[in-house]
Amino acid sequence: MAGGAMLLDWFEVQFLTRRYPIEIYVVVLCFLFTGLGVWLGHRLTRRRSCTSTGVNSAALNYLGISRREQEVLALLAEGRSNQEIADALFVSVNTVKTHLQSLYQKLDVARRGQAVEKARSLKLVG
């Protein structure tokens, strides 16, 4: 019974391909070009990953900002307090204040907000 059904389906396909050959080719080509377009669009519009954090390492080197100061600056840009920064980095609050004073001097700013604004404009934080 199943073999007979498969045979009838095969005859139907043969009949349809002989009766509507151009329409079938057009549909197959439409599917192929749609798939090609989706694949090509995905490849061309895929986001390129920048450096690991998207940070301007040349500016960091030029300003002489150390790795630890960079970590403090990143946490500062997140809006964390001195105590939260100290807890996150496992250092004392006085150490955080020392790093901040050094950052203020290197960035030529006087306050936290100015430091964050300048760091973002120079792309020092991600």
PDB file of N, CA and C in Angstrom:
ATOM      1  N   MET A   1       0.815  -1.185   0.000  1.00  0.00           N
ATOM      2  CA  MET A   1       0.000   0.000   0.000  1.00  0.00           C
ATOM      3  C   MET A   1       0.868   1.262   0.000  1.00  0.00           C
ATOM      4  N   ALA A   2       1.899   1.257   0.882  1.00  0.00           N
ATOM      5  CA  ALA A   2       2.781   2.415   0.954  1.00  0.00           C
ATOM      6  C   ALA A   2       3.557   2.565  -0.351  1.00  0.00           C
ATOM      7  N   GLY A   3       3.963   1.432  -0.928  1.00  0.00           N
ATOM      8  CA  GLY A   3       4.674   1.479  -2.204  1.00  0.00           C
ATOM      9  C   GLY A   3       3.799   2.049  -3.308  1.00  0.00           C
ATOM     10  N   GLY A   4       2.517   1.690  -3.293  1.00  0.00           N
ATOM     11  CA  GLY A   4       1.592   2.228  -4.294  1.00  0.00           C
ATOM     12  C   GLY A   4       1.408   3.724  -4.130  1.00  0.00           C
ATOM     13  N   ALA A   5       1.338   4.184  -2.876  1.00  0.00           N
ATOM     14  CA  ALA A   5       1.192   5.622  -2.625  1.00  0.00           C
ATOM     15  C   ALA A   5       2.436   6.376  -3.097  1.00  0.00           C
ATOM     16  N   MET A   6       3.589   5.784  -2.849  1.00  0.00           N
ATOM     17  CA  MET A   6       4.825   6.427  -3.300  1.00  0.00           C
ATOM     18  C   MET A   6       4.888   6.470  -4.822  1.00  0.00           C
ATOM     19  N   LEU A   7       4.408   5.421  -5.477  1.00  0.00           N
ATOM     20  CA  LEU A   7       4.396   5.376  -6.933  1.00  0.00           C
ATOM     21  C   LEU A   7       3.463   6.434  -7.501  1.00  0.00           C
ATOM     22  N   LEU A   8       2.285   6.581  -6.888  1.00  0.00           N
ATOM     23  CA  LEU A   8       1.347   7.619  -7.335  1.00  0.00           C
ATOM     24  C   LEU A   8       1.941   9.018  -7.132  1.00  0.00           C
ATOM     25  N   ASP A   9       2.621   9.234  -6.002  1.00  0.00           N
ATOM     26  CA  ASP A   9       3.260  10.526  -5.770  1.00  0.00           C
ATOM     27  C   ASP A   9       4.338  10.784  -6.820  1.00  0.00           C
ATOM     28  N   TRP A  10       5.103   9.767  -7.153  1.00  0.00           N
ATOM     29  CA  TRP A  10       6.140   9.931  -8.161  1.00  0.00           C
ATOM     30  C   TRP A  10       5.542  10.288  -9.525  1.00  0.00           C
ATOM     31  N   PHE A  11       4.446   9.617  -9.894  1.00  0.00           N
ATOM     32  CA  PHE A  11       3.761   9.939 -11.149  1.00  0.00           C
ATOM     33  C   PHE A  11       3.224  11.363 -11.130  1.00  0.00           C
ATOM     34  N   GLU A  12       2.701  11.794  -9.977  1.00  0.00           N
ATOM     35  CA  GLU A  12       2.179  13.156  -9.864  1.00  0.00           C
ATOM     36  C   GLU A  12       3.300  14.176 -10.044  1.00  0.00           C
ATOM     37  N   VAL A  13       4.442  13.906  -9.446  1.00  0.00           N
ATOM     38  CA  VAL A  13       5.582  14.808  -9.596  1.00  0.00           C
ATOM     39  C   VAL A  13       6.020  14.842 -11.057  1.00  0.00           C
ATOM     40  N   GLN A  14       6.071  13.674 -11.694  1.00  0.00           N
ATOM     41  CA  GLN A  14       6.451  13.624 -13.102  1.00  0.00           C
ATOM     42  C   GLN A  14       5.461  14.413 -13.959  1.00  0.00           C
ATOM     43  N   PHE A  15       4.185  14.278 -13.659  1.00  0.00           N
ATOM     44  CA  PHE A  15       3.148  14.995 -14.404  1.00  0.00           C
ATOM     45  C   PHE A  15       3.315  16.507 -14.202  1.00  0.00           C
ATOM     46  N   LEU A  16       3.511  16.932 -12.951  1.00  0.00           N
ATOM     47  CA  LEU A  16       3.629  18.361 -12.668  1.00  0.00           C
ATOM     48  C   LEU A  16       4.880  18.953 -13.287  1.00  0.00           C
ATOM     49  N   THR A  17       5.986  18.203 -13.268  1.00  0.00           N
ATOM     50  CA  THR A  17       7.211  18.745 -13.856  1.00  0.00           C
ATOM     51  C   THR A  17       7.115  18.848 -15.368  1.00  0.00           C
ATOM     52  N   ARG A  18       6.319  17.990 -15.974  1.00  0.00           N
ATOM     53  CA  ARG A  18       6.136  18.091 -17.425  1.00  0.00           C
ATOM     54  C   ARG A  18       5.111  19.155 -17.784  1.00  0.00           C
ATOM     55  N   ARG A  19       4.143  19.345 -16.919  1.00  0.00           N
ATOM     56  CA  ARG A  19       3.074  20.308 -17.214  1.00  0.00           C
ATOM     57  C   ARG A  19       3.506  21.743 -16.900  1.00  0.00           C
ATOM     58  N   TYR A  20       4.264  21.935 -15.805  1.00  0.00           N
ATOM     59  CA  TYR A  20       4.675  23.279 -15.378  1.00  0.00           C
ATOM     60  C   TYR A  20       6.189  23.366 -15.190  1.00  0.00           C
ATOM     61  N   PRO A  21       6.983  23.078 -16.196  1.00  0.00           N
ATOM     62  CA  PRO A  21       8.430  23.056 -15.984  1.00  0.00           C
ATOM     63  C   PRO A  21       9.017  24.443 -15.683  1.00  0.00           C
ATOM     64  N   ILE A  22       8.568  25.462 -16.370  1.00  0.00           N
ATOM     65  CA  ILE A  22       9.138  26.795 -16.171  1.00  0.00           C
ATOM     66  C   ILE A  22       8.793  27.324 -14.782  1.00  0.00           C
ATOM     67  N   GLU A  23       7.548  27.122 -14.346  1.00  0.00           N
ATOM     68  CA  GLU A  23       7.136  27.606 -13.026  1.00  0.00           C
ATOM     69  C   GLU A  23       7.945  26.932 -11.911  1.00  0.00           C
ATOM     70  N   ILE A  24       8.212  25.648 -12.067  1.00  0.00           N
ATOM     71  CA  ILE A  24       8.984  24.919 -11.060  1.00  0.00           C
ATOM     72  C   ILE A  24      10.419  25.445 -11.013  1.00  0.00           C
ATOM     73  N   TYR A  25      11.022  25.678 -12.186  1.00  0.00           N
ATOM     74  CA  TYR A  25      12.375  26.219 -12.215  1.00  0.00           C
ATOM     75  C   TYR A  25      12.430  27.614 -11.603  1.00  0.00           C
ATOM     76  N   VAL A  26      11.414  28.408 -11.854  1.00  0.00           N
ATOM     77  CA  VAL A  26      11.371  29.758 -11.288  1.00  0.00           C
ATOM     78  C   VAL A  26      11.286  29.689  -9.760  1.00  0.00           C
ATOM     79  N   VAL A  27      10.453  28.793  -9.244  1.00  0.00           N
ATOM     80  CA  VAL A  27      10.323  28.654  -7.787  1.00  0.00           C
ATOM     81  C   VAL A  27      11.632  28.171  -7.180  1.00  0.00           C
ATOM     82  N   VAL A  28      12.269  27.194  -7.814  1.00  0.00           N
ATOM     83  CA  VAL A  28      13.547  26.694  -7.304  1.00  0.00           C
ATOM     84  C   VAL A  28      14.597  27.803  -7.314  1.00  0.00           C
ATOM     85  N   LEU A  29      14.658  28.570  -8.396  1.00  0.00           N
ATOM     86  CA  LEU A  29      15.609  29.680  -8.466  1.00  0.00           C
ATOM     87  C   LEU A  29      15.296  30.746  -7.420  1.00  0.00           C
ATOM     88  N   CYS A  30      14.015  31.006  -7.169  1.00  0.00           N
ATOM     89  CA  CYS A  30      13.636  31.979  -6.132  1.00  0.00           C
ATOM     90  C   CYS A  30      14.149  31.537  -4.772  1.00  0.00           C
ATOM     91  N   PHE A  31      13.971  30.274  -4.452  1.00  0.00           N
ATOM     92  CA  PHE A  31      14.461  29.771  -3.171  1.00  0.00           C
ATOM     93  C   PHE A  31      15.986  29.848  -3.087  1.00  0.00           C
ATOM     94  N   LEU A  32      16.665  29.496  -4.178  1.00  0.00           N
ATOM     95  CA  LEU A  32      18.120  29.563  -4.176  1.00  0.00           C
ATOM     96  C   LEU A  32      18.621  30.990  -3.981  1.00  0.00           C
ATOM     97  N   PHE A  33      18.040  31.945  -4.723  1.00  0.00           N
ATOM     98  CA  PHE A  33      18.483  33.327  -4.592  1.00  0.00           C
ATOM     99  C   PHE A  33      18.082  33.933  -3.253  1.00  0.00           C
ATOM    100  N   THR A  34      16.954  33.522  -2.705  1.00  0.00           N
ATOM    101  CA  THR A  34      16.575  34.001  -1.370  1.00  0.00           C
ATOM    102  C   THR A  34      17.567  33.497  -0.335  1.00  0.00           C
ATOM    103  N   GLY A  35      17.896  32.229  -0.402  1.00  0.00           N
ATOM    104  CA  GLY A  35      18.891  31.679   0.522  1.00  0.00           C
ATOM    105  C   GLY A  35      20.243  32.350   0.367  1.00  0.00           C
ATOM    106  N   LEU A  36      20.654  32.575  -0.872  1.00  0.00           N
ATOM    107  CA  LEU A  36      21.919  33.253  -1.125  1.00  0.00           C
ATOM    108  C   LEU A  36      21.892  34.679  -0.582  1.00  0.00           C
ATOM    109  N   GLY A  37      20.782  35.368  -0.755  1.00  0.00           N
ATOM    110  CA  GLY A  37      20.656  36.738  -0.255  1.00  0.00           C
ATOM    111  C   GLY A  37      20.701  36.804   1.261  1.00  0.00           C
ATOM    112  N   VAL A  38      20.027  35.871   1.922  1.00  0.00           N
ATOM    113  CA  VAL A  38      20.046  35.840   3.387  1.00  0.00           C
ATOM    114  C   VAL A  38      21.456  35.541   3.884  1.00  0.00           C
ATOM    115  N   TRP A  39      22.111  34.578   3.286  1.00  0.00           N
ATOM    116  CA  TRP A  39      23.469  34.226   3.695  1.00  0.00           C
ATOM    117  C   TRP A  39      24.434  35.389   3.461  1.00  0.00           C
ATOM    118  N   LEU A  40      24.363  36.003   2.288  1.00  0.00           N
ATOM    119  CA  LEU A  40      25.253  37.115   1.956  1.00  0.00           C
ATOM    120  C   LEU A  40      24.973  38.320   2.845  1.00  0.00           C
ATOM    121  N   GLY A  41      23.709  38.603   3.093  1.00  0.00           N
ATOM    122  CA  GLY A  41      23.363  39.708   3.983  1.00  0.00           C
ATOM    123  C   GLY A  41      23.877  39.483   5.386  1.00  0.00           C
ATOM    124  N   HIS A  42      23.786  38.256   5.855  1.00  0.00           N
ATOM    125  CA  HIS A  42      24.297  37.933   7.185  1.00  0.00           C
ATOM    126  C   HIS A  42      25.808  38.116   7.246  1.00  0.00           C
ATOM    127  N   ARG A  43      26.497  37.696   6.208  1.00  0.00           N
ATOM    128  CA  ARG A  43      27.953  37.820   6.185  1.00  0.00           C
ATOM    129  C   ARG A  43      28.400  39.281   6.104  1.00  0.00           C
ATOM    130  N   LEU A  44      27.687  40.093   5.325  1.00  0.00           N
ATOM    131  CA  LEU A  44      28.105  41.473   5.119  1.00  0.00           C
ATOM    132  C   LEU A  44      27.737  42.393   6.274  1.00  0.00           C
ATOM    133  N   THR A  45      26.677  42.085   7.001  1.00  0.00           N
ATOM    134  CA  THR A  45      26.230  42.976   8.074  1.00  0.00           C
ATOM    135  C   THR A  45      26.588  42.468   9.452  1.00  0.00           C
ATOM    136  N   ARG A  46      27.367  41.429   9.545  1.00  0.00           N
ATOM    137  CA  ARG A  46      27.773  40.898  10.838  1.00  0.00           C
ATOM    138  C   ARG A  46      28.655  41.920  11.533  1.00  0.00           C
ATOM    139  N   ARG A  47      28.437  42.081  12.832  1.00  0.00           N
ATOM    140  CA  ARG A  47      29.240  43.029  13.602  1.00  0.00           C
ATOM    141  C   ARG A  47      30.655  42.494  13.742  1.00  0.00           C
ATOM    142  N   ARG A  48      31.562  43.353  13.471  1.00  0.00           N
ATOM    143  CA  ARG A  48      32.962  42.996  13.628  1.00  0.00           C
ATOM    144  C   ARG A  48      33.348  43.235  15.084  1.00  0.00           C
ATOM    145  N   SER A  49      34.036  42.289  15.656  1.00  0.00           N
ATOM    146  CA  SER A  49      34.483  42.490  17.027  1.00  0.00           C
ATOM    147  C   SER A  49      35.747  43.329  17.000  1.00  0.00           C
ATOM    148  N   CYS A  50      35.731  44.374  17.792  1.00  0.00           N
ATOM    149  CA  CYS A  50      36.897  45.251  17.887  1.00  0.00           C
ATOM    150  C   CYS A  50      37.940  44.557  18.740  1.00  0.00           C
ATOM    151  N   THR A  51      38.771  45.334  19.355  1.00  0.00           N
ATOM    152  CA  THR A  51      39.709  44.737  20.283  1.00  0.00           C
ATOM    153  C   THR A  51      38.901  44.113  21.404  1.00  0.00           C
ATOM    154  N   SER A  52      39.558  43.434  22.297  1.00  0.00           N
ATOM    155  CA  SER A  52      38.844  42.669  23.316  1.00  0.00           C
ATOM    156  C   SER A  52      37.865  43.527  24.103  1.00  0.00           C
ATOM    157  N   THR A  53      38.214  44.790  24.391  1.00  0.00           N
ATOM    158  CA  THR A  53      37.305  45.629  25.159  1.00  0.00           C
ATOM    159  C   THR A  53      36.892  46.873  24.399  1.00  0.00           C
ATOM    160  N   GLY A  54      37.416  47.106  23.213  1.00  0.00           N
ATOM    161  CA  GLY A  54      37.079  48.295  22.462  1.00  0.00           C
ATOM    162  C   GLY A  54      37.755  49.536  23.027  1.00  0.00           C
ATOM    163  N   VAL A  55      38.883  49.354  23.698  1.00  0.00           N
ATOM    164  CA  VAL A  55      39.574  50.444  24.365  1.00  0.00           C
ATOM    165  C   VAL A  55      40.698  50.955  23.465  1.00  0.00           C
ATOM    166  N   ASN A  56      40.905  52.265  23.500  1.00  0.00           N
ATOM    167  CA  ASN A  56      41.958  52.901  22.732  1.00  0.00           C
ATOM    168  C   ASN A  56      43.290  52.696  23.464  1.00  0.00           C
ATOM    169  N   SER A  57      43.980  51.624  23.137  1.00  0.00           N
ATOM    170  CA  SER A  57      45.211  51.284  23.856  1.00  0.00           C
ATOM    171  C   SER A  57      46.329  52.277  23.565  1.00  0.00           C
ATOM    172  N   ALA A  58      46.318  52.901  22.398  1.00  0.00           N
ATOM    173  CA  ALA A  58      47.348  53.893  22.079  1.00  0.00           C
ATOM    174  C   ALA A  58      47.236  55.093  23.023  1.00  0.00           C
ATOM    175  N   ALA A  59      46.010  55.530  23.290  1.00  0.00           N
ATOM    176  CA  ALA A  59      45.811  56.659  24.209  1.00  0.00           C
ATOM    177  C   ALA A  59      46.194  56.265  25.629  1.00  0.00           C
ATOM    178  N   LEU A  60      45.886  55.029  26.025  1.00  0.00           N
ATOM    179  CA  LEU A  60      46.271  54.564  27.359  1.00  0.00           C
ATOM    180  C   LEU A  60      47.790  54.589  27.524  1.00  0.00           C
ATOM    181  N   ASN A  61      48.495  54.127  26.511  1.00  0.00           N
ATOM    182  CA  ASN A  61      49.957  54.124  26.566  1.00  0.00           C
ATOM    183  C   ASN A  61      50.513  55.542  26.561  1.00  0.00           C
ATOM    184  N   TYR A  62      49.936  56.402  25.731  1.00  0.00           N
ATOM    185  CA  TYR A  62      50.409  57.779  25.639  1.00  0.00           C
ATOM    186  C   TYR A  62      50.236  58.509  26.970  1.00  0.00           C
ATOM    187  N   LEU A  63      49.084  58.296  27.622  1.00  0.00           N
ATOM    188  CA  LEU A  63      48.823  58.964  28.897  1.00  0.00           C
ATOM    189  C   LEU A  63      49.533  58.296  30.066  1.00  0.00           C
ATOM    190  N   GLY A  64      50.040  57.101  29.860  1.00  0.00           N
ATOM    191  CA  GLY A  64      50.751  56.394  30.918  1.00  0.00           C
ATOM    192  C   GLY A  64      49.830  55.815  31.973  1.00  0.00           C
ATOM    193  N   ILE A  65      48.635  55.430  31.573  1.00  0.00           N
ATOM    194  CA  ILE A  65      47.659  54.864  32.505  1.00  0.00           C
ATOM    195  C   ILE A  65      47.969  53.386  32.690  1.00  0.00           C
ATOM    196  N   SER A  66      48.173  53.000  33.953  1.00  0.00           N
ATOM    197  CA  SER A  66      48.506  51.606  34.252  1.00  0.00           C
ATOM    198  C   SER A  66      47.275  50.715  34.141  1.00  0.00           C
ATOM    199  N   ARG A  67      47.516  49.421  34.168  1.00  0.00           N
ATOM    200  CA  ARG A  67      46.427  48.442  34.091  1.00  0.00           C
ATOM    201  C   ARG A  67      45.454  48.610  35.263  1.00  0.00           C
ATOM    202  N   ARG A  68      46.006  48.826  36.448  1.00  0.00           N
ATOM    203  CA  ARG A  68      45.154  48.976  37.635  1.00  0.00           C
ATOM    204  C   ARG A  68      44.351  50.275  37.567  1.00  0.00           C
ATOM    205  N   GLU A  69      44.981  51.338  37.076  1.00  0.00           N
ATOM    206  CA  GLU A  69      44.251  52.602  36.909  1.00  0.00           C
ATOM    207  C   GLU A  69      43.150  52.453  35.869  1.00  0.00           C
ATOM    208  N   GLN A  70      43.409  51.650  34.863  1.00  0.00           N
ATOM    209  CA  GLN A  70      42.386  51.387  33.850  1.00  0.00           C
ATOM    210  C   GLN A  70      41.198  50.652  34.472  1.00  0.00           C
ATOM    211  N   GLU A  71      41.455  49.704  35.340  1.00  0.00           N
ATOM    212  CA  GLU A  71      40.376  48.992  36.028  1.00  0.00           C
ATOM    213  C   GLU A  71      39.573  49.945  36.907  1.00  0.00           C
ATOM    214  N   VAL A  72      40.278  50.828  37.618  1.00  0.00           N
ATOM    215  CA  VAL A  72      39.596  51.819  38.460  1.00  0.00           C
ATOM    216  C   VAL A  72      38.746  52.740  37.588  1.00  0.00           C
ATOM    217  N   LEU A  73      39.293  53.165  36.465  1.00  0.00           N
ATOM    218  CA  LEU A  73      38.570  54.053  35.552  1.00  0.00           C
ATOM    219  C   LEU A  73      37.319  53.381  34.986  1.00  0.00           C
ATOM    220  N   ALA A  74      37.432  52.109  34.659  1.00  0.00           N
ATOM    221  CA  ALA A  74      36.265  51.377  34.132  1.00  0.00           C
ATOM    222  C   ALA A  74      35.166  51.286  35.180  1.00  0.00           C
ATOM    223  N   LEU A  75      35.534  51.001  36.416  1.00  0.00           N
ATOM    224  CA  LEU A  75      34.532  50.931  37.490  1.00  0.00           C
ATOM    225  C   LEU A  75      33.974  52.310  37.809  1.00  0.00           C
ATOM    226  N   LEU A  76      34.807  53.328  37.691  1.00  0.00           N
ATOM    227  CA  LEU A  76      34.350  54.701  37.894  1.00  0.00           C
ATOM    228  C   LEU A  76      33.321  55.076  36.830  1.00  0.00           C
ATOM    229  N   ALA A  77      33.564  54.644  35.593  1.00  0.00           N
ATOM    230  CA  ALA A  77      32.636  54.928  34.489  1.00  0.00           C
ATOM    231  C   ALA A  77      31.303  54.219  34.681  1.00  0.00           C
ATOM    232  N   GLU A  78      31.293  53.123  35.436  1.00  0.00           N
ATOM    233  CA  GLU A  78      30.047  52.421  35.733  1.00  0.00           C
ATOM    234  C   GLU A  78      29.249  53.134  36.817  1.00  0.00           C
ATOM    235  N   GLY A  79      29.846  54.156  37.429  1.00  0.00           N
ATOM    236  CA  GLY A  79      29.153  54.918  38.450  1.00  0.00           C
ATOM    237  C   GLY A  79      29.330  54.379  39.857  1.00  0.00           C
ATOM    238  N   ARG A  80      30.347  53.607  40.079  1.00  0.00           N
ATOM    239  CA  ARG A  80      30.549  53.023  41.401  1.00  0.00           C
ATOM    240  C   ARG A  80      31.239  54.007  42.343  1.00  0.00           C
ATOM    241  N   SER A  81      30.988  53.841  43.607  1.00  0.00           N
ATOM    242  CA  SER A  81      31.609  54.674  44.632  1.00  0.00           C
ATOM    243  C   SER A  81      33.018  54.159  44.924  1.00  0.00           C
ATOM    244  N   ASN A  82      33.784  54.948  45.692  1.00  0.00           N
ATOM    245  CA  ASN A  82      35.142  54.521  46.052  1.00  0.00           C
ATOM    246  C   ASN A  82      35.120  53.196  46.802  1.00  0.00           C
ATOM    247  N   GLN A  83      34.158  53.053  47.709  1.00  0.00           N
ATOM    248  CA  GLN A  83      34.069  51.810  48.490  1.00  0.00           C
ATOM    249  C   GLN A  83      33.746  50.620  47.586  1.00  0.00           C
ATOM    250  N   GLU A  84      32.829  50.807  46.642  1.00  0.00           N
ATOM    251  CA  GLU A  84      32.474  49.722  45.715  1.00  0.00           C
ATOM    252  C   GLU A  84      33.658  49.351  44.827  1.00  0.00           C
ATOM    253  N   ILE A  85      34.411  50.360  44.386  1.00  0.00           N
ATOM    254  CA  ILE A  85      35.603  50.087  43.575  1.00  0.00           C
ATOM    255  C   ILE A  85      36.622  49.309  44.399  1.00  0.00           C
ATOM    256  N   ALA A  86      36.819  49.736  45.655  1.00  0.00           N
ATOM    257  CA  ALA A  86      37.768  49.054  46.535  1.00  0.00           C
ATOM    258  C   ALA A  86      37.352  47.606  46.762  1.00  0.00           C
ATOM    259  N   ASP A  87      36.068  47.371  46.982  1.00  0.00           N
ATOM    260  CA  ASP A  87      35.580  46.006  47.192  1.00  0.00           C
ATOM    261  C   ASP A  87      35.769  45.144  45.944  1.00  0.00           C
ATOM    262  N   ALA A  88      35.506  45.738  44.782  1.00  0.00           N
ATOM    263  CA  ALA A  88      35.621  44.976  43.535  1.00  0.00           C
ATOM    264  C   ALA A  88      37.071  44.611  43.219  1.00  0.00           C
ATOM    265  N   LEU A  89      37.998  45.488  43.583  1.00  0.00           N
ATOM    266  CA  LEU A  89      39.407  45.256  43.259  1.00  0.00           C
ATOM    267  C   LEU A  89      40.207  44.678  44.423  1.00  0.00           C
ATOM    268  N   PHE A  90      39.543  44.489  45.549  1.00  0.00           N
ATOM    269  CA  PHE A  90      40.188  43.931  46.739  1.00  0.00           C
ATOM    270  C   PHE A  90      41.360  44.788  47.207  1.00  0.00           C
ATOM    271  N   VAL A  91      41.130  46.092  47.250  1.00  0.00           N
ATOM    272  CA  VAL A  91      42.118  47.035  47.761  1.00  0.00           C
ATOM    273  C   VAL A  91      41.434  47.946  48.769  1.00  0.00           C
ATOM    274  N   SER A  92      42.216  48.803  49.424  1.00  0.00           N
ATOM    275  CA  SER A  92      41.626  49.731  50.396  1.00  0.00           C
ATOM    276  C   SER A  92      41.062  50.957  49.676  1.00  0.00           C
ATOM    277  N   VAL A  93      40.222  51.681  50.379  1.00  0.00           N
ATOM    278  CA  VAL A  93      39.631  52.899  49.826  1.00  0.00           C
ATOM    279  C   VAL A  93      40.726  53.930  49.574  1.00  0.00           C
ATOM    280  N   ASN A  94      41.734  53.984  50.442  1.00  0.00           N
ATOM    281  CA  ASN A  94      42.841  54.925  50.237  1.00  0.00           C
ATOM    282  C   ASN A  94      43.614  54.617  48.959  1.00  0.00           C
ATOM    283  N   THR A  95      43.757  53.344  48.625  1.00  0.00           N
ATOM    284  CA  THR A  95      44.429  52.965  47.377  1.00  0.00           C
ATOM    285  C   THR A  95      43.613  53.439  46.175  1.00  0.00           C
ATOM    286  N   VAL A  96      42.298  53.305  46.263  1.00  0.00           N
ATOM    287  CA  VAL A  96      41.425  53.780  45.182  1.00  0.00           C
ATOM    288  C   VAL A  96      41.574  55.289  45.034  1.00  0.00           C
ATOM    289  N   LYS A  97      41.616  56.006  46.155  1.00  0.00           N
ATOM    290  CA  LYS A  97      41.769  57.464  46.104  1.00  0.00           C
ATOM    291  C   LYS A  97      43.101  57.850  45.476  1.00  0.00           C
ATOM    292  N   THR A  98      44.136  57.094  45.769  1.00  0.00           N
ATOM    293  CA  THR A  98      45.447  57.355  45.171  1.00  0.00           C
ATOM    294  C   THR A  98      45.406  57.149  43.661  1.00  0.00           C
ATOM    295  N   HIS A  99      44.777  56.058  43.238  1.00  0.00           N
ATOM    296  CA  HIS A  99      44.635  55.805  41.792  1.00  0.00           C
ATOM    297  C   HIS A  99      43.812  56.900  41.132  1.00  0.00           C
ATOM    298  N   LEU A 100      42.760  57.350  41.802  1.00  0.00           N
ATOM    299  CA  LEU A 100      41.918  58.404  41.227  1.00  0.00           C
ATOM    300  C   LEU A 100      42.694  59.709  41.094  1.00  0.00           C
ATOM    301  N   GLN A 101      43.471  60.063  42.096  1.00  0.00           N
ATOM    302  CA  GLN A 101      44.279  61.289  42.011  1.00  0.00           C
ATOM    303  C   GLN A 101      45.267  61.207  40.850  1.00  0.00           C
ATOM    304  N   SER A 102      45.858  60.037  40.671  1.00  0.00           N
ATOM    305  CA  SER A 102      46.787  59.839  39.557  1.00  0.00           C
ATOM    306  C   SER A 102      46.061  59.963  38.218  1.00  0.00           C
ATOM    307  N   LEU A 103      44.859  59.388  38.152  1.00  0.00           N
ATOM    308  CA  LEU A 103      44.063  59.487  36.924  1.00  0.00           C
ATOM    309  C   LEU A 103      43.657  60.930  36.637  1.00  0.00           C
ATOM    310  N   TYR A 104      43.250  61.658  37.666  1.00  0.00           N
ATOM    311  CA  TYR A 104      42.860  63.058  37.479  1.00  0.00           C
ATOM    312  C   TYR A 104      44.035  63.853  36.906  1.00  0.00           C
ATOM    313  N   GLN A 105      45.219  63.587  37.409  1.00  0.00           N
ATOM    314  CA  GLN A 105      46.403  64.295  36.943  1.00  0.00           C
ATOM    315  C   GLN A 105      46.720  63.922  35.492  1.00  0.00           C
ATOM    316  N   LYS A 106      46.657  62.636  35.171  1.00  0.00           N
ATOM    317  CA  LYS A 106      46.979  62.182  33.812  1.00  0.00           C
ATOM    318  C   LYS A 106      45.935  62.642  32.796  1.00  0.00           C
ATOM    319  N   LEU A 107      44.676  62.705  33.213  1.00  0.00           N
ATOM    320  CA  LEU A 107      43.609  63.142  32.312  1.00  0.00           C
ATOM    321  C   LEU A 107      43.414  64.655  32.329  1.00  0.00           C
ATOM    322  N   ASP A 108      44.101  65.332  33.242  1.00  0.00           N
ATOM    323  CA  ASP A 108      44.018  66.782  33.389  1.00  0.00           C
ATOM    324  C   ASP A 108      42.577  67.222  33.690  1.00  0.00           C
ATOM    325  N   VAL A 109      41.996  66.593  34.724  1.00  0.00           N
ATOM    326  CA  VAL A 109      40.647  66.918  35.176  1.00  0.00           C
ATOM    327  C   VAL A 109      40.673  67.109  36.688  1.00  0.00           C
ATOM    328  N   ALA A 110      39.559  67.615  37.243  1.00  0.00           N
ATOM    329  CA  ALA A 110      39.507  67.867  38.678  1.00  0.00           C
ATOM    330  C   ALA A 110      38.483  67.002  39.404  1.00  0.00           C
ATOM    331  N   ARG A 111      37.493  66.454  38.677  1.00  0.00           N
ATOM    332  CA  ARG A 111      36.419  65.709  39.339  1.00  0.00           C
ATOM    333  C   ARG A 111      36.117  64.398  38.628  1.00  0.00           C
ATOM    334  N   ARG A 112      35.354  63.562  39.324  1.00  0.00           N
ATOM    335  CA  ARG A 112      34.986  62.239  38.804  1.00  0.00           C
ATOM    336  C   ARG A 112      34.243  62.339  37.480  1.00  0.00           C
ATOM    337  N   GLY A 113      33.252  63.197  37.444  1.00  0.00           N
ATOM    338  CA  GLY A 113      32.435  63.344  36.228  1.00  0.00           C
ATOM    339  C   GLY A 113      33.261  63.760  35.031  1.00  0.00           C
ATOM    340  N   GLN A 114      34.185  64.688  35.257  1.00  0.00           N
ATOM    341  CA  GLN A 114      35.064  65.118  34.178  1.00  0.00           C
ATOM    342  C   GLN A 114      35.963  63.976  33.709  1.00  0.00           C
ATOM    343  N   ALA A 115      36.440  63.179  34.671  1.00  0.00           N
ATOM    344  CA  ALA A 115      37.306  62.049  34.322  1.00  0.00           C
ATOM    345  C   ALA A 115      36.554  61.040  33.464  1.00  0.00           C
ATOM    346  N   VAL A 116      35.325  60.743  33.840  1.00  0.00           N
ATOM    347  CA  VAL A 116      34.523  59.783  33.064  1.00  0.00           C
ATOM    348  C   VAL A 116      34.228  60.336  31.681  1.00  0.00           C
ATOM    349  N   GLU A 117      33.865  61.614  31.619  1.00  0.00           N
ATOM    350  CA  GLU A 117      33.552  62.234  30.332  1.00  0.00           C
ATOM    351  C   GLU A 117      34.767  62.219  29.403  1.00  0.00           C
ATOM    352  N   LYS A 118      35.921  62.567  29.933  1.00  0.00           N
ATOM    353  CA  LYS A 118      37.129  62.580  29.110  1.00  0.00           C
ATOM    354  C   LYS A 118      37.534  61.157  28.717  1.00  0.00           C
ATOM    355  N   ALA A 119      37.391  60.216  29.630  1.00  0.00           N
ATOM    356  CA  ALA A 119      37.724  58.824  29.326  1.00  0.00           C
ATOM    357  C   ALA A 119      36.835  58.287  28.217  1.00  0.00           C
ATOM    358  N   ARG A 120      35.577  58.641  28.247  1.00  0.00           N
ATOM    359  CA  ARG A 120      34.666  58.167  27.183  1.00  0.00           C
ATOM    360  C   ARG A 120      34.982  58.840  25.858  1.00  0.00           C
ATOM    361  N   SER A 121      35.318  60.126  25.896  1.00  0.00           N
ATOM    362  CA  SER A 121      35.628  60.817  24.644  1.00  0.00           C
ATOM    363  C   SER A 121      36.925  60.284  24.015  1.00  0.00           C
ATOM    364  N   LEU A 122      37.868  59.865  24.869  1.00  0.00           N
ATOM    365  CA  LEU A 122      39.115  59.283  24.346  1.00  0.00           C
ATOM    366  C   LEU A 122      39.026  57.770  24.141  1.00  0.00           C
ATOM    367  N   LYS A 123      37.864  57.211  24.445  1.00  0.00           N
ATOM    368  CA  LYS A 123      37.615  55.770  24.324  1.00  0.00           C
ATOM    369  C   LYS A 123      38.580  54.961  25.193  1.00  0.00           C
ATOM    370  N   LEU A 124      38.747  55.427  26.421  1.00  0.00           N
ATOM    371  CA  LEU A 124      39.601  54.709  27.359  1.00  0.00           C
ATOM    372  C   LEU A 124      38.833  53.640  28.106  1.00  0.00           C
ATOM    373  N   VAL A 125      37.516  53.734  28.090  1.00  0.00           N
ATOM    374  CA  VAL A 125      36.658  52.732  28.738  1.00  0.00           C
ATOM    375  C   VAL A 125      35.720  52.166  27.690  1.00  0.00           C
ATOM    376  N   GLY A 126      35.357  50.883  27.876  1.00  0.00           N
ATOM    377  CA  GLY A 126      34.498  50.215  26.910  1.00  0.00           C
ATOM    378  C   GLY A 126      33.056  50.440  27.085  1.00  0.00           C
TER     379      GLY A 126
END
